[in-house]
């Protein structure tokens, strides 16, 4: 393990340990984060064999919920998830998320499934109705046998990040090899992407270089 990564994940455990979504809609005025963030984030990292990678994500925050979609590059180790969230959400996001987490109205618990292959599933469950035995899963994170976030997309309420990340951090420290974080950069996703030609449109090549052909019919 790389000591810096282990310290980072251990801090996540310490920050979230003992903290008490349940699918609730959180009023925007309770979120001390911008309500609408759209960014591309690139995480640069090195694996245990010193191979360097760049992994690119499209990240969205809307009404207290985030979506992280991998666009290209290798799946990142779960130990790098805090760095991705740092770059995407900015300073203070952990405190903001923890405050939201502590406003939940339903009792909650972790559920961890360890597959025979070495993969792990982390679920956050809430007690919605004890009499009916209604204990829904409100947040989920899958980690591959190699400790990677390999599902391509992750959706979660901000208030549900702290307990999920806390238990995943413990597993990363105890079970998986750590990657070495190199750097992160991000930029806003523009809302106006300009004009595009429709599929099947002429490239213009035949019209310019072989005008006698008259293009394709």
N, C-alpha and C. Protein backbone atom coordinates (compact mmCIF):
# COMPACT_ATOMS: atom_id res chain seq x y z
N UNK A 1 0.84 -1.20 0.00
CA UNK A 1 0.00 0.00 0.00
C UNK A 1 0.87 1.26 0.00
N UNK A 2 0.37 2.31 -0.58
CA UNK A 2 1.03 3.58 -0.54
C UNK A 2 0.57 4.32 0.73
N UNK A 3 1.50 4.83 1.49
CA UNK A 3 1.17 5.39 2.80
C UNK A 3 0.21 6.57 2.69
N UNK A 4 0.40 7.44 1.68
CA UNK A 4 -0.46 8.61 1.56
C UNK A 4 -1.90 8.21 1.31
N UNK A 5 -2.09 7.20 0.44
CA UNK A 5 -3.45 6.75 0.14
C UNK A 5 -4.08 6.11 1.37
N UNK A 6 -3.28 5.35 2.12
CA UNK A 6 -3.81 4.70 3.31
C UNK A 6 -4.23 5.76 4.33
N UNK A 7 -3.44 6.81 4.47
CA UNK A 7 -3.79 7.88 5.40
C UNK A 7 -5.07 8.58 4.98
N UNK A 8 -5.21 8.80 3.66
CA UNK A 8 -6.41 9.46 3.16
C UNK A 8 -7.65 8.64 3.46
N UNK A 9 -7.61 7.34 3.19
CA UNK A 9 -8.76 6.49 3.42
C UNK A 9 -9.02 6.33 4.92
N UNK A 10 -7.96 6.29 5.72
CA UNK A 10 -8.14 6.21 7.17
C UNK A 10 -8.83 7.46 7.69
N UNK A 11 -8.51 8.62 7.09
CA UNK A 11 -9.17 9.86 7.50
C UNK A 11 -10.66 9.80 7.17
N UNK A 12 -10.99 9.21 6.02
CA UNK A 12 -12.41 9.06 5.68
C UNK A 12 -13.11 8.23 6.75
N UNK A 13 -12.46 7.16 7.18
CA UNK A 13 -13.05 6.31 8.23
C UNK A 13 -13.27 7.13 9.50
N UNK A 14 -12.26 7.90 9.89
CA UNK A 14 -12.35 8.67 11.13
C UNK A 14 -13.43 9.74 11.03
N UNK A 15 -13.54 10.37 9.85
CA UNK A 15 -14.53 11.43 9.68
C UNK A 15 -15.95 10.89 9.76
N UNK A 16 -16.15 9.66 9.24
CA UNK A 16 -17.50 9.16 9.12
C UNK A 16 -17.88 8.13 10.16
N UNK A 17 -16.92 7.61 10.91
CA UNK A 17 -17.20 6.52 11.84
C UNK A 17 -18.24 6.93 12.88
N UNK A 18 -19.24 6.07 13.06
CA UNK A 18 -20.23 6.30 14.09
C UNK A 18 -21.31 7.29 13.71
N UNK A 19 -21.36 7.76 12.47
CA UNK A 19 -22.37 8.72 12.04
C UNK A 19 -23.66 8.00 11.69
N UNK A 20 -24.64 8.59 12.08
CA UNK A 20 -25.93 8.06 11.87
C UNK A 20 -26.53 8.72 10.64
N UNK A 21 -29.13 7.47 1.80
CA UNK A 21 -30.27 8.24 2.25
C UNK A 21 -31.41 7.29 2.33
N UNK A 22 -32.12 7.88 2.94
CA UNK A 22 -33.33 7.09 3.02
C UNK A 22 -34.28 7.46 1.90
N UNK A 23 -33.74 7.90 0.78
CA UNK A 23 -34.57 8.21 -0.36
C UNK A 23 -35.35 9.50 -0.21
N UNK A 24 -35.05 10.29 0.81
CA UNK A 24 -35.78 11.53 1.03
C UNK A 24 -35.30 12.60 0.06
N UNK A 25 -36.19 13.49 -0.32
CA UNK A 25 -35.81 14.65 -1.11
C UNK A 25 -35.35 15.75 -0.17
N UNK A 26 -34.11 16.17 -0.34
CA UNK A 26 -33.54 17.17 0.56
C UNK A 26 -33.77 18.56 -0.02
N UNK A 27 -34.40 19.48 0.71
CA UNK A 27 -34.58 20.83 0.20
C UNK A 27 -33.26 21.47 -0.16
N UNK A 28 -33.27 22.19 -1.27
CA UNK A 28 -32.02 22.76 -1.76
C UNK A 28 -31.39 23.71 -0.76
N UNK A 29 -32.21 24.39 0.05
CA UNK A 29 -31.64 25.36 0.99
C UNK A 29 -30.94 24.70 2.16
N UNK A 30 -30.98 23.36 2.23
CA UNK A 30 -30.24 22.65 3.27
C UNK A 30 -28.88 22.16 2.77
N UNK A 31 -28.58 22.35 1.51
CA UNK A 31 -27.35 21.85 0.94
C UNK A 31 -26.35 22.99 0.82
N UNK A 32 -25.25 22.89 1.53
CA UNK A 32 -24.25 23.94 1.47
C UNK A 32 -23.25 23.65 0.36
N UNK A 33 -23.77 23.21 -0.77
CA UNK A 33 -23.03 23.01 -2.00
C UNK A 33 -23.84 23.65 -3.12
N UNK A 34 -23.20 24.06 -4.21
CA UNK A 34 -24.01 24.54 -5.34
C UNK A 34 -25.02 23.48 -5.75
N UNK A 35 -26.18 23.91 -6.17
CA UNK A 35 -27.23 22.95 -6.50
C UNK A 35 -27.05 22.33 -7.87
N UNK A 36 -26.23 22.93 -8.71
CA UNK A 36 -26.09 22.45 -10.08
C UNK A 36 -24.63 22.54 -10.48
N UNK A 37 -23.95 21.40 -10.53
CA UNK A 37 -22.55 21.35 -10.96
C UNK A 37 -22.45 20.34 -12.09
N UNK A 38 -21.79 20.73 -13.17
CA UNK A 38 -21.56 19.85 -14.32
C UNK A 38 -20.09 19.96 -14.69
N UNK A 39 -19.34 18.87 -14.50
CA UNK A 39 -17.90 18.92 -14.77
C UNK A 39 -17.41 17.65 -15.44
N UNK A 40 -16.36 17.81 -16.24
CA UNK A 40 -15.52 16.69 -16.62
C UNK A 40 -14.33 16.68 -15.65
N UNK A 41 -14.03 15.50 -15.11
CA UNK A 41 -12.94 15.35 -14.16
C UNK A 41 -11.98 14.29 -14.67
N UNK A 42 -10.70 14.60 -14.65
CA UNK A 42 -9.66 13.63 -15.03
C UNK A 42 -8.80 13.33 -13.81
N UNK A 43 -8.72 12.05 -13.47
CA UNK A 43 -7.87 11.59 -12.38
C UNK A 43 -6.65 10.91 -12.96
N UNK A 44 -5.48 11.39 -12.60
CA UNK A 44 -4.22 10.76 -13.01
C UNK A 44 -3.67 9.96 -11.84
N UNK A 45 -3.31 8.70 -12.11
CA UNK A 45 -2.91 7.83 -11.01
C UNK A 45 -1.93 6.77 -11.51
N UNK A 46 -1.31 6.09 -10.54
CA UNK A 46 -0.33 5.06 -10.84
C UNK A 46 -0.67 3.82 -10.03
N UNK A 47 -0.62 2.66 -10.68
CA UNK A 47 -0.95 1.43 -9.95
C UNK A 47 0.28 0.88 -9.24
N UNK A 48 0.12 -0.28 -8.62
CA UNK A 48 1.20 -0.84 -7.80
C UNK A 48 2.42 -1.22 -8.63
N UNK A 49 2.24 -1.41 -9.95
CA UNK A 49 3.37 -1.74 -10.82
C UNK A 49 3.96 -0.49 -11.47
N UNK A 50 3.55 0.69 -10.99
CA UNK A 50 4.06 1.98 -11.46
C UNK A 50 3.60 2.34 -12.87
N UNK A 51 2.53 1.70 -13.34
CA UNK A 51 1.93 2.06 -14.61
C UNK A 51 1.02 3.25 -14.41
N UNK A 52 1.17 4.26 -15.26
CA UNK A 52 0.40 5.50 -15.10
C UNK A 52 -0.85 5.47 -15.98
N UNK A 53 -1.93 6.05 -15.45
CA UNK A 53 -3.20 6.08 -16.17
C UNK A 53 -3.88 7.44 -15.98
N UNK A 54 -4.73 7.78 -16.95
CA UNK A 54 -5.64 8.91 -16.84
C UNK A 54 -7.06 8.38 -17.03
N UNK A 55 -7.95 8.72 -16.12
CA UNK A 55 -9.33 8.28 -16.19
C UNK A 55 -10.24 9.51 -16.17
N UNK A 56 -11.16 9.55 -17.14
CA UNK A 56 -11.99 10.74 -17.32
C UNK A 56 -13.46 10.44 -17.00
N UNK A 57 -14.10 11.38 -16.30
CA UNK A 57 -15.47 11.20 -15.84
C UNK A 57 -16.31 12.43 -16.17
N UNK A 58 -17.59 12.20 -16.41
CA UNK A 58 -18.58 13.27 -16.45
C UNK A 58 -19.34 13.23 -15.12
N UNK A 59 -19.34 14.33 -14.41
CA UNK A 59 -19.92 14.37 -13.06
C UNK A 59 -20.99 15.45 -12.99
N UNK A 60 -22.11 15.09 -12.38
CA UNK A 60 -23.24 16.01 -12.26
C UNK A 60 -23.74 16.02 -10.82
N UNK A 61 -24.06 17.20 -10.33
CA UNK A 61 -24.77 17.37 -9.06
C UNK A 61 -26.06 18.10 -9.36
N UNK A 62 -27.19 17.52 -8.97
CA UNK A 62 -28.48 18.14 -9.22
C UNK A 62 -29.43 17.79 -8.08
N UNK A 63 -29.92 18.81 -7.39
CA UNK A 63 -30.91 18.64 -6.31
C UNK A 63 -30.46 17.63 -5.27
N UNK A 64 -29.20 17.70 -4.88
CA UNK A 64 -28.71 16.85 -3.80
C UNK A 64 -28.33 15.44 -4.22
N UNK A 65 -28.30 15.16 -5.51
CA UNK A 65 -27.92 13.85 -6.02
C UNK A 65 -26.78 14.00 -7.02
N UNK A 66 -25.84 13.05 -6.99
CA UNK A 66 -24.74 13.10 -7.95
C UNK A 66 -24.78 11.89 -8.87
N UNK A 67 -24.29 12.10 -10.07
CA UNK A 67 -24.08 11.03 -11.04
C UNK A 67 -22.65 11.14 -11.54
N UNK A 68 -21.91 10.05 -11.45
CA UNK A 68 -20.53 9.99 -11.93
C UNK A 68 -20.47 8.92 -13.01
N UNK A 69 -20.15 9.32 -14.23
CA UNK A 69 -20.10 8.41 -15.37
C UNK A 69 -18.70 8.40 -15.95
N UNK A 70 -18.09 7.22 -16.05
CA UNK A 70 -16.74 7.15 -16.64
C UNK A 70 -16.84 7.23 -18.15
N UNK A 71 -16.05 8.13 -18.74
CA UNK A 71 -16.05 8.33 -20.18
C UNK A 71 -14.95 7.56 -20.88
N UNK A 72 -13.78 7.50 -20.27
CA UNK A 72 -12.67 6.78 -20.89
C UNK A 72 -11.58 6.53 -19.84
N UNK A 73 -10.64 5.67 -20.20
CA UNK A 73 -9.55 5.33 -19.29
C UNK A 73 -9.88 4.11 -18.44
N UNK A 74 -8.92 3.72 -17.63
CA UNK A 74 -9.08 2.58 -16.75
C UNK A 74 -10.04 2.89 -15.59
N UNK A 75 -10.74 1.86 -15.14
CA UNK A 75 -11.54 2.00 -13.93
C UNK A 75 -10.61 2.35 -12.77
N UNK A 76 -11.01 3.32 -11.95
CA UNK A 76 -10.13 3.75 -10.86
C UNK A 76 -10.34 2.87 -9.63
N UNK A 77 -9.29 2.71 -8.83
CA UNK A 77 -9.44 2.01 -7.55
C UNK A 77 -10.35 2.80 -6.61
N UNK A 78 -11.04 2.09 -5.73
CA UNK A 78 -11.95 2.74 -4.80
C UNK A 78 -11.19 3.71 -3.89
N UNK A 79 -9.91 3.49 -3.69
CA UNK A 79 -9.12 4.39 -2.84
C UNK A 79 -9.00 5.79 -3.43
N UNK A 80 -9.29 5.95 -4.74
CA UNK A 80 -9.18 7.26 -5.37
C UNK A 80 -10.52 8.00 -5.42
N UNK A 81 -11.59 7.36 -4.95
CA UNK A 81 -12.90 8.00 -4.99
C UNK A 81 -12.93 9.32 -4.22
N UNK A 82 -12.31 9.42 -3.03
CA UNK A 82 -12.31 10.72 -2.35
C UNK A 82 -11.66 11.83 -3.16
N UNK A 83 -10.61 11.50 -3.93
CA UNK A 83 -9.95 12.51 -4.75
C UNK A 83 -10.87 12.98 -5.88
N UNK A 84 -11.60 12.05 -6.48
CA UNK A 84 -12.55 12.42 -7.52
C UNK A 84 -13.62 13.36 -6.98
N UNK A 85 -14.16 13.02 -5.80
CA UNK A 85 -15.19 13.85 -5.20
C UNK A 85 -14.64 15.20 -4.76
N UNK A 86 -13.39 15.23 -4.28
CA UNK A 86 -12.75 16.50 -3.93
C UNK A 86 -12.70 17.44 -5.14
N UNK A 87 -12.26 16.89 -6.27
CA UNK A 87 -12.11 17.71 -7.47
C UNK A 87 -13.47 18.15 -8.01
N UNK A 88 -14.44 17.27 -7.92
CA UNK A 88 -15.77 17.57 -8.46
C UNK A 88 -16.54 18.54 -7.57
N UNK A 89 -16.62 18.25 -6.29
CA UNK A 89 -17.49 19.01 -5.39
C UNK A 89 -16.79 20.17 -4.68
N UNK A 90 -15.45 20.12 -4.61
CA UNK A 90 -14.71 21.22 -4.02
C UNK A 90 -14.55 21.12 -2.51
N UNK A 91 -13.84 22.08 -1.95
CA UNK A 91 -13.56 22.09 -0.52
C UNK A 91 -14.86 22.14 0.29
N UNK A 92 -14.86 21.38 1.38
CA UNK A 92 -15.99 21.43 2.29
C UNK A 92 -17.10 20.45 1.98
N UNK A 93 -16.95 19.66 0.90
CA UNK A 93 -18.05 18.77 0.54
C UNK A 93 -18.28 17.69 1.60
N UNK A 94 -17.19 17.21 2.24
CA UNK A 94 -17.37 16.15 3.24
C UNK A 94 -18.21 16.64 4.42
N UNK A 95 -17.94 17.86 4.87
CA UNK A 95 -18.72 18.41 5.98
C UNK A 95 -20.17 18.61 5.55
N UNK A 96 -20.38 19.13 4.34
CA UNK A 96 -21.73 19.35 3.85
C UNK A 96 -22.50 18.03 3.74
N UNK A 97 -21.83 17.00 3.21
CA UNK A 97 -22.47 15.69 3.06
C UNK A 97 -22.77 15.08 4.42
N UNK A 98 -21.84 15.24 5.36
CA UNK A 98 -22.06 14.68 6.70
C UNK A 98 -23.23 15.36 7.41
N UNK A 99 -23.35 16.68 7.23
CA UNK A 99 -24.48 17.39 7.82
C UNK A 99 -25.80 16.87 7.26
N UNK A 100 -25.84 16.66 5.95
CA UNK A 100 -27.05 16.12 5.34
C UNK A 100 -27.33 14.71 5.84
N UNK A 101 -26.27 13.89 5.94
CA UNK A 101 -26.43 12.52 6.43
C UNK A 101 -27.08 12.51 7.81
N UNK A 102 -26.68 13.42 8.67
CA UNK A 102 -27.19 13.43 10.05
C UNK A 102 -28.60 13.97 10.16
N UNK A 103 -29.16 14.46 9.05
CA UNK A 103 -30.56 14.90 9.06
C UNK A 103 -31.52 13.76 8.70
N UNK A 104 -31.01 12.59 8.37
CA UNK A 104 -31.92 11.52 7.94
C UNK A 104 -32.87 11.15 9.07
N UNK A 105 -34.07 10.75 8.69
CA UNK A 105 -35.12 10.49 9.66
C UNK A 105 -35.30 9.02 9.98
N UNK A 106 -34.70 8.14 9.18
CA UNK A 106 -34.90 6.71 9.38
C UNK A 106 -33.64 6.05 9.91
N UNK A 107 -33.76 5.04 10.79
CA UNK A 107 -32.59 4.27 11.22
C UNK A 107 -31.92 3.62 10.00
N UNK A 108 -30.63 3.40 10.10
CA UNK A 108 -29.88 2.91 8.94
C UNK A 108 -28.82 1.92 9.38
N UNK A 109 -28.31 1.16 8.41
CA UNK A 109 -27.20 0.24 8.67
C UNK A 109 -26.50 -0.08 7.36
N UNK A 110 -25.27 -0.63 7.50
CA UNK A 110 -24.52 -1.12 6.35
C UNK A 110 -24.91 -2.56 6.06
N UNK A 111 -24.73 -2.94 4.82
CA UNK A 111 -24.74 -4.36 4.47
C UNK A 111 -23.61 -4.57 3.48
N UNK A 112 -22.70 -5.48 3.80
CA UNK A 112 -21.54 -5.73 2.95
C UNK A 112 -21.61 -7.17 2.44
N UNK A 113 -21.53 -7.33 1.13
CA UNK A 113 -21.49 -8.65 0.52
C UNK A 113 -20.12 -8.86 -0.10
N UNK A 114 -19.46 -9.94 0.27
CA UNK A 114 -18.15 -10.28 -0.30
C UNK A 114 -18.32 -11.49 -1.21
N UNK A 115 -18.07 -11.29 -2.51
CA UNK A 115 -18.19 -12.38 -3.47
C UNK A 115 -17.00 -13.31 -3.42
N UNK A 116 -17.18 -14.51 -3.94
CA UNK A 116 -16.09 -15.49 -3.95
C UNK A 116 -14.92 -15.02 -4.79
N UNK A 117 -15.19 -14.19 -5.78
CA UNK A 117 -14.11 -13.70 -6.66
C UNK A 117 -13.23 -12.67 -5.96
N UNK A 118 -13.74 -12.09 -4.86
CA UNK A 118 -13.03 -11.02 -4.18
C UNK A 118 -13.70 -9.67 -4.35
N UNK A 119 -14.76 -9.62 -5.16
CA UNK A 119 -15.51 -8.37 -5.29
C UNK A 119 -16.30 -8.10 -4.02
N UNK A 120 -16.73 -6.85 -3.86
CA UNK A 120 -17.51 -6.49 -2.70
C UNK A 120 -18.62 -5.52 -3.11
N UNK A 121 -19.79 -5.71 -2.50
CA UNK A 121 -20.91 -4.79 -2.67
C UNK A 121 -21.20 -4.13 -1.33
N UNK A 122 -21.30 -2.81 -1.35
CA UNK A 122 -21.60 -2.05 -0.14
C UNK A 122 -22.98 -1.42 -0.30
N UNK A 123 -23.87 -1.71 0.63
CA UNK A 123 -25.23 -1.20 0.57
C UNK A 123 -25.55 -0.41 1.84
N UNK A 124 -26.27 0.68 1.66
CA UNK A 124 -26.82 1.43 2.77
C UNK A 124 -28.31 1.13 2.81
N UNK A 125 -28.78 0.60 3.94
CA UNK A 125 -30.17 0.21 4.09
C UNK A 125 -30.81 1.01 5.21
N UNK A 126 -32.11 1.27 5.07
CA UNK A 126 -32.83 2.02 6.09
C UNK A 126 -34.05 1.22 6.54
N UNK A 127 -34.42 1.43 7.80
CA UNK A 127 -35.58 0.76 8.37
C UNK A 127 -36.81 1.64 8.11
N UNK A 128 -37.52 1.31 7.04
CA UNK A 128 -38.69 2.10 6.65
C UNK A 128 -39.93 1.71 7.44
N UNK A 129 -40.10 0.40 7.65
CA UNK A 129 -41.27 -0.08 8.40
C UNK A 129 -40.90 -1.38 9.06
N UNK A 130 -40.68 -1.35 10.39
CA UNK A 130 -40.24 -2.54 11.12
C UNK A 130 -41.32 -3.62 11.11
N UNK A 131 -42.55 -3.23 11.23
CA UNK A 131 -43.63 -4.21 11.28
C UNK A 131 -43.74 -4.99 9.98
N UNK A 132 -43.53 -4.31 8.86
CA UNK A 132 -43.60 -4.97 7.56
C UNK A 132 -42.26 -5.57 7.13
N UNK A 133 -41.21 -5.31 7.91
CA UNK A 133 -39.89 -5.79 7.51
C UNK A 133 -39.38 -5.09 6.27
N UNK A 134 -39.78 -3.83 6.09
CA UNK A 134 -39.42 -3.06 4.90
C UNK A 134 -38.09 -2.35 5.15
N UNK A 135 -37.03 -2.91 4.58
CA UNK A 135 -35.68 -2.39 4.78
C UNK A 135 -35.05 -2.16 3.40
N UNK A 136 -35.42 -1.09 2.72
CA UNK A 136 -34.91 -0.88 1.36
C UNK A 136 -33.44 -0.46 1.33
N UNK A 137 -32.80 -0.78 0.22
CA UNK A 137 -31.46 -0.28 -0.07
C UNK A 137 -31.58 1.08 -0.73
N UNK A 138 -30.92 2.08 -0.17
CA UNK A 138 -31.02 3.44 -0.71
C UNK A 138 -29.73 3.91 -1.36
N UNK A 139 -28.63 3.18 -1.17
CA UNK A 139 -27.36 3.53 -1.81
C UNK A 139 -26.54 2.27 -1.99
N UNK A 140 -25.74 2.24 -3.06
CA UNK A 140 -25.03 1.02 -3.43
C UNK A 140 -23.71 1.39 -4.09
N UNK A 141 -22.67 0.63 -3.77
CA UNK A 141 -21.37 0.80 -4.41
C UNK A 141 -20.77 -0.58 -4.63
N UNK A 142 -20.40 -0.88 -5.88
CA UNK A 142 -19.76 -2.15 -6.22
C UNK A 142 -18.28 -1.93 -6.43
N UNK A 143 -17.46 -2.81 -5.84
CA UNK A 143 -16.01 -2.77 -6.01
C UNK A 143 -15.57 -4.13 -6.55
N UNK A 144 -14.81 -4.12 -7.62
CA UNK A 144 -14.41 -5.37 -8.27
C UNK A 144 -13.40 -6.14 -7.43
N UNK A 145 -13.08 -7.33 -7.88
CA UNK A 145 -12.11 -8.17 -7.18
C UNK A 145 -10.73 -7.52 -7.11
N UNK A 146 -10.49 -6.55 -8.00
CA UNK A 146 -9.21 -5.84 -8.00
C UNK A 146 -9.31 -4.49 -7.29
N UNK A 147 -10.43 -4.26 -6.61
CA UNK A 147 -10.59 -3.02 -5.87
C UNK A 147 -10.94 -1.83 -6.74
N UNK A 148 -11.51 -2.09 -7.94
CA UNK A 148 -11.81 -1.02 -8.89
C UNK A 148 -13.31 -0.70 -8.93
N UNK A 149 -13.59 0.53 -9.31
CA UNK A 149 -14.97 0.96 -9.55
C UNK A 149 -15.26 0.73 -11.03
N UNK A 150 -15.71 -0.45 -11.36
CA UNK A 150 -15.74 -0.88 -12.77
C UNK A 150 -17.14 -0.94 -13.38
N UNK A 151 -18.13 -0.34 -12.74
CA UNK A 151 -19.49 -0.41 -13.28
C UNK A 151 -19.81 0.72 -14.25
N UNK A 152 -18.93 1.71 -14.35
CA UNK A 152 -19.10 2.74 -15.36
C UNK A 152 -19.93 3.94 -14.93
N UNK A 153 -20.89 3.72 -14.03
CA UNK A 153 -21.73 4.83 -13.58
C UNK A 153 -22.13 4.61 -12.13
N UNK A 154 -22.16 5.70 -11.37
CA UNK A 154 -22.53 5.65 -9.96
C UNK A 154 -23.46 6.79 -9.67
N UNK A 155 -24.64 6.48 -9.15
CA UNK A 155 -25.62 7.48 -8.75
C UNK A 155 -25.89 7.35 -7.27
N UNK A 156 -25.90 8.50 -6.58
CA UNK A 156 -26.09 8.46 -5.14
C UNK A 156 -26.50 9.84 -4.65
N UNK A 157 -27.32 9.88 -3.59
CA UNK A 157 -27.64 11.14 -2.93
C UNK A 157 -26.43 11.60 -2.13
N UNK A 158 -26.22 12.90 -2.09
CA UNK A 158 -25.08 13.44 -1.34
C UNK A 158 -25.13 12.97 0.11
N UNK A 159 -26.31 12.92 0.71
CA UNK A 159 -26.43 12.54 2.11
C UNK A 159 -26.06 11.09 2.35
N UNK A 160 -26.04 10.27 1.29
CA UNK A 160 -25.71 8.86 1.43
C UNK A 160 -24.23 8.56 1.19
N UNK A 161 -23.47 9.55 0.73
CA UNK A 161 -22.06 9.31 0.45
C UNK A 161 -21.27 8.98 1.72
N UNK A 162 -21.42 9.73 2.83
CA UNK A 162 -20.57 9.46 3.99
C UNK A 162 -20.59 8.03 4.50
N UNK A 163 -21.75 7.40 4.78
CA UNK A 163 -21.69 6.03 5.29
C UNK A 163 -21.18 5.03 4.28
N UNK A 164 -21.52 5.22 2.99
CA UNK A 164 -21.02 4.31 1.96
C UNK A 164 -19.51 4.44 1.82
N UNK A 165 -19.00 5.67 1.79
CA UNK A 165 -17.57 5.88 1.62
C UNK A 165 -16.79 5.42 2.85
N UNK A 166 -17.39 5.54 4.03
CA UNK A 166 -16.71 5.11 5.24
C UNK A 166 -16.43 3.61 5.22
N UNK A 167 -17.46 2.82 4.90
CA UNK A 167 -17.28 1.36 4.91
C UNK A 167 -16.41 0.92 3.74
N UNK A 168 -16.50 1.61 2.60
CA UNK A 168 -15.64 1.28 1.46
C UNK A 168 -14.19 1.61 1.76
N UNK A 169 -13.97 2.70 2.53
CA UNK A 169 -12.61 3.08 2.92
C UNK A 169 -11.97 2.00 3.78
N UNK A 170 -12.75 1.44 4.70
CA UNK A 170 -12.22 0.37 5.54
C UNK A 170 -11.79 -0.82 4.70
N UNK A 171 -12.64 -1.18 3.74
CA UNK A 171 -12.32 -2.33 2.89
C UNK A 171 -11.08 -2.06 2.05
N UNK A 172 -10.95 -0.83 1.57
CA UNK A 172 -9.78 -0.48 0.76
C UNK A 172 -8.49 -0.62 1.57
N UNK A 173 -8.55 -0.21 2.83
CA UNK A 173 -7.37 -0.31 3.69
C UNK A 173 -7.03 -1.76 4.00
N UNK A 174 -8.07 -2.55 4.29
CA UNK A 174 -7.86 -3.92 4.77
C UNK A 174 -7.67 -4.95 3.66
N UNK A 175 -8.21 -4.69 2.47
CA UNK A 175 -8.31 -5.76 1.48
C UNK A 175 -7.55 -5.50 0.18
N UNK A 176 -7.60 -4.27 -0.31
CA UNK A 176 -7.12 -4.01 -1.68
C UNK A 176 -5.80 -3.27 -1.70
N UNK A 177 -5.03 -3.50 -2.78
CA UNK A 177 -3.83 -2.73 -3.01
C UNK A 177 -4.22 -1.30 -3.35
N UNK A 178 -3.47 -0.36 -2.84
CA UNK A 178 -3.77 1.04 -3.08
C UNK A 178 -3.06 1.53 -4.34
N UNK A 179 -3.72 2.44 -5.03
CA UNK A 179 -3.08 3.14 -6.14
C UNK A 179 -2.44 4.41 -5.60
N UNK A 180 -1.59 5.01 -6.40
CA UNK A 180 -0.96 6.27 -6.02
C UNK A 180 -1.61 7.40 -6.81
N UNK A 181 -2.25 8.32 -6.11
CA UNK A 181 -2.86 9.48 -6.75
C UNK A 181 -1.78 10.42 -7.25
N UNK A 182 -1.92 10.88 -8.50
CA UNK A 182 -0.95 11.82 -9.06
C UNK A 182 -1.51 13.23 -9.10
N UNK A 183 -2.65 13.40 -9.78
CA UNK A 183 -3.24 14.74 -9.88
C UNK A 183 -4.68 14.62 -10.35
N UNK A 184 -5.39 15.73 -10.25
CA UNK A 184 -6.76 15.80 -10.74
C UNK A 184 -6.97 17.17 -11.37
N UNK A 185 -7.77 17.18 -12.42
CA UNK A 185 -8.14 18.45 -13.03
C UNK A 185 -9.59 18.34 -13.51
N UNK A 186 -10.24 19.49 -13.65
CA UNK A 186 -11.63 19.48 -14.06
C UNK A 186 -11.96 20.76 -14.80
N UNK A 187 -13.04 20.72 -15.53
CA UNK A 187 -13.54 21.90 -16.24
C UNK A 187 -15.05 21.74 -16.43
N UNK A 188 -15.78 22.85 -16.52
CA UNK A 188 -17.23 22.76 -16.67
C UNK A 188 -17.62 22.12 -17.99
N UNK A 189 -18.71 21.37 -17.98
CA UNK A 189 -19.28 20.85 -19.22
C UNK A 189 -20.14 21.95 -19.82
N UNK A 190 -19.83 22.41 -21.03
CA UNK A 190 -20.62 23.50 -21.62
C UNK A 190 -22.03 23.04 -21.93
N UNK A 191 -22.98 23.94 -21.74
CA UNK A 191 -24.37 23.61 -22.06
C UNK A 191 -24.64 23.74 -23.55
N UNK A 192 -23.92 24.63 -24.21
CA UNK A 192 -24.05 24.78 -25.66
C UNK A 192 -22.87 24.07 -26.31
N UNK A 193 -23.14 22.93 -26.93
CA UNK A 193 -22.08 22.12 -27.55
C UNK A 193 -21.90 22.44 -29.02
N UNK A 194 -22.56 23.47 -29.51
CA UNK A 194 -22.41 23.85 -30.91
C UNK A 194 -23.26 22.98 -31.83
N UNK A 195 -23.11 23.22 -33.14
CA UNK A 195 -23.89 22.49 -34.13
C UNK A 195 -23.13 21.27 -34.62
N UNK A 196 -23.87 20.20 -34.89
CA UNK A 196 -23.30 18.97 -35.43
C UNK A 196 -24.07 18.60 -36.70
N UNK A 197 -23.38 17.97 -37.64
CA UNK A 197 -24.05 17.44 -38.83
C UNK A 197 -24.74 16.14 -38.48
N UNK A 198 -25.84 15.89 -39.11
CA UNK A 198 -26.61 14.69 -38.82
C UNK A 198 -25.93 13.46 -39.39
N UNK A 199 -26.16 12.27 -38.81
CA UNK A 199 -25.60 11.03 -39.36
C UNK A 199 -26.02 10.86 -40.82
N UNK A 200 -25.07 10.41 -41.65
CA UNK A 200 -25.36 10.22 -43.06
C UNK A 200 -25.08 11.43 -43.92
N UNK A 201 -24.74 12.56 -43.29
CA UNK A 201 -24.42 13.75 -44.06
C UNK A 201 -23.13 13.56 -44.85
N UNK A 202 -23.05 14.22 -46.00
CA UNK A 202 -21.84 14.15 -46.81
C UNK A 202 -20.67 14.79 -46.09
N UNK A 203 -19.51 14.19 -46.25
CA UNK A 203 -18.30 14.78 -45.67
C UNK A 203 -17.81 15.96 -46.49
N UNK A 204 -18.23 16.03 -47.77
CA UNK A 204 -17.77 17.09 -48.66
C UNK A 204 -16.56 16.71 -49.48
N UNK A 205 -15.99 15.53 -49.22
CA UNK A 205 -14.77 15.13 -49.92
C UNK A 205 -14.99 14.93 -51.41
N UNK A 206 -16.03 14.17 -51.77
CA UNK A 206 -16.27 13.90 -53.19
C UNK A 206 -16.62 15.18 -53.94
N UNK A 207 -17.40 16.04 -53.31
CA UNK A 207 -17.79 17.28 -53.97
C UNK A 207 -16.58 18.17 -54.26
N UNK A 208 -15.57 18.11 -53.38
CA UNK A 208 -14.40 18.96 -53.57
C UNK A 208 -13.36 18.35 -54.49
N UNK A 209 -13.08 17.04 -54.33
CA UNK A 209 -11.99 16.43 -55.10
C UNK A 209 -12.44 15.65 -56.31
N UNK A 210 -13.68 15.23 -56.33
CA UNK A 210 -14.18 14.48 -57.49
C UNK A 210 -15.54 15.04 -57.90
N UNK A 211 -15.59 16.30 -58.29
CA UNK A 211 -16.88 16.92 -58.62
C UNK A 211 -17.60 16.21 -59.74
N UNK A 212 -16.83 15.54 -60.64
CA UNK A 212 -17.47 14.85 -61.75
C UNK A 212 -18.33 13.69 -61.27
N UNK A 213 -17.97 13.17 -60.12
CA UNK A 213 -18.74 12.05 -59.58
C UNK A 213 -20.11 12.52 -59.05
N UNK A 214 -20.16 13.79 -58.73
CA UNK A 214 -21.44 14.34 -58.26
C UNK A 214 -21.85 13.87 -56.89
N UNK A 215 -20.92 13.34 -56.17
CA UNK A 215 -21.27 12.85 -54.84
C UNK A 215 -21.99 11.53 -54.90
N UNK A 216 -22.42 11.05 -53.75
CA UNK A 216 -23.14 9.78 -53.66
C UNK A 216 -24.64 10.02 -53.72
N UNK A 217 -25.32 9.13 -54.36
CA UNK A 217 -26.79 9.27 -54.44
C UNK A 217 -27.42 8.69 -53.19
